[in-house]
Protein backbone atom coordinates (compact mmCIF):
# COMPACT_ATOMS: atom_id res chain seq x y z
CA UNK A 1 -24.04 -22.56 14.49
CA UNK A 2 -22.36 -19.59 12.86
CA UNK A 3 -18.81 -18.95 13.96
CA UNK A 4 -17.56 -15.41 14.69
CA UNK A 5 -15.49 -15.51 11.48
CA UNK A 6 -18.55 -16.44 9.41
CA UNK A 7 -20.59 -13.71 11.08
CA UNK A 8 -17.85 -11.16 10.33
CA UNK A 9 -17.81 -12.26 6.69
CA UNK A 10 -21.59 -11.87 6.46
CA UNK A 11 -21.43 -8.40 8.04
CA UNK A 12 -18.69 -7.31 5.62
CA UNK A 13 -20.68 -8.67 2.68
CA UNK A 14 -23.77 -6.72 3.76
CA UNK A 15 -21.71 -3.54 4.12
CA UNK A 16 -20.26 -3.92 0.64
CA UNK A 17 -23.68 -4.74 -0.85
CA UNK A 18 -25.20 -1.62 0.70
CA UNK A 19 -22.35 0.52 -0.64
CA UNK A 20 -22.75 -0.84 -4.17
CA UNK A 21 -26.52 -0.38 -3.97
CA UNK A 22 -25.99 3.23 -2.91
CA UNK A 23 -23.71 3.85 -5.89
CA UNK A 24 -26.23 2.29 -8.26
CA UNK A 25 -29.11 4.36 -6.91
CA UNK A 26 -27.06 7.56 -7.05
CA UNK A 27 -26.41 6.90 -10.74
CA UNK A 28 -30.04 6.38 -11.78
CA UNK A 29 -32.10 8.73 -9.59
CA UNK A 30 -30.89 12.00 -11.20
CA UNK A 31 -31.84 10.70 -14.65
CA UNK A 32 -35.28 9.70 -13.42
CA UNK A 33 -35.76 13.10 -11.80
CA UNK A 34 -34.68 14.76 -15.05
CA UNK A 35 -37.22 12.67 -16.94
CA UNK A 36 -39.97 13.71 -14.50
CA UNK A 37 -39.03 17.37 -14.93
CA UNK A 38 -38.96 16.94 -18.71
CA UNK A 39 -42.45 15.45 -18.72
CA UNK A 40 -43.77 18.31 -16.63
CA UNK A 41 -42.10 21.03 -18.71
CA UNK A 42 -42.44 19.18 -22.02
CA UNK A 43 -38.73 19.67 -22.72
CA UNK A 44 -37.74 16.09 -23.54
CA UNK A 45 -34.85 15.03 -23.59
CA UNK A 46 -32.79 17.89 -22.11
CA UNK A 47 -33.30 17.48 -18.36
CA UNK A 48 -33.12 13.71 -18.76
CA UNK A 49 -29.74 13.99 -20.48
CA UNK A 50 -28.40 16.46 -17.93
CA UNK A 51 -29.67 14.40 -14.99
CA UNK A 52 -28.27 11.20 -16.47
CA UNK A 53 -24.86 12.78 -17.09
CA UNK A 54 -24.70 14.21 -13.58
CA UNK A 55 -25.84 10.92 -12.05
CA UNK A 56 -23.27 8.97 -14.04
CA UNK A 57 -20.46 11.34 -13.06
CA UNK A 58 -21.47 11.28 -9.39
CA UNK A 59 -21.80 7.49 -9.41
CA UNK A 60 -18.34 7.05 -10.92
CA UNK A 61 -16.90 9.44 -8.32
CA UNK A 62 -18.59 7.49 -5.49
CA UNK A 63 -17.33 4.22 -6.94
CA UNK A 64 -13.80 5.63 -7.08
CA UNK A 65 -14.05 6.70 -3.44
CA UNK A 66 -15.43 3.28 -2.52
CA UNK A 67 -12.48 1.41 -3.98
CA UNK A 68 -9.97 3.96 -2.72
CA UNK A 69 -8.76 5.56 -5.96
CA UNK A 70 -6.70 8.60 -5.02
CA UNK A 71 -6.59 7.56 -1.38
CA UNK A 72 -3.23 8.27 0.23
CA UNK A 73 -3.62 5.39 2.69
CA UNK A 74 -3.05 2.73 -0.03
CA UNK A 75 -6.39 1.16 0.76
CA UNK A 76 -7.23 -2.03 -1.12
CA UNK A 77 -10.57 -3.10 -2.53
CA UNK A 78 -12.83 -4.51 0.15
CA UNK A 79 -11.08 -2.90 3.12
CA UNK A 80 -13.43 -1.53 5.73
CA UNK A 81 -13.17 2.20 6.06
CA UNK A 82 -12.24 3.72 9.44
CA UNK A 83 -15.80 5.01 9.76
CA UNK A 84 -17.22 1.48 9.85
CA UNK A 85 -18.52 0.43 13.25
CA UNK A 86 -16.60 -2.38 14.95
CA UNK A 87 -17.75 -5.92 14.35
CA UNK A 88 -19.65 -7.58 17.23
CA UNK A 89 -16.71 -9.59 18.59
CA UNK A 90 -14.40 -6.51 18.44
CA UNK A 91 -16.43 -4.61 21.00
CA UNK A 92 -15.13 -4.47 24.58
């Protein structure tokens, strides 16, 4: 049987995994879209380079927000943000 503490740990792990997956996708999709545009317009490699640069910059920005860089609340890595829903045993 899973204890409430174990369930909370699993939920937090899933939240963090989904956040990291979102950052990864946001870094690669613009480059892929740029490549698709380049193939259609026969302008290789310009849109691919622009899309990759924008995706990389956006991904780094999202990663910085995820770990709390520049956050005035002194948030530490792995803290749940206030927008996270309560865990099952925290509900009334």
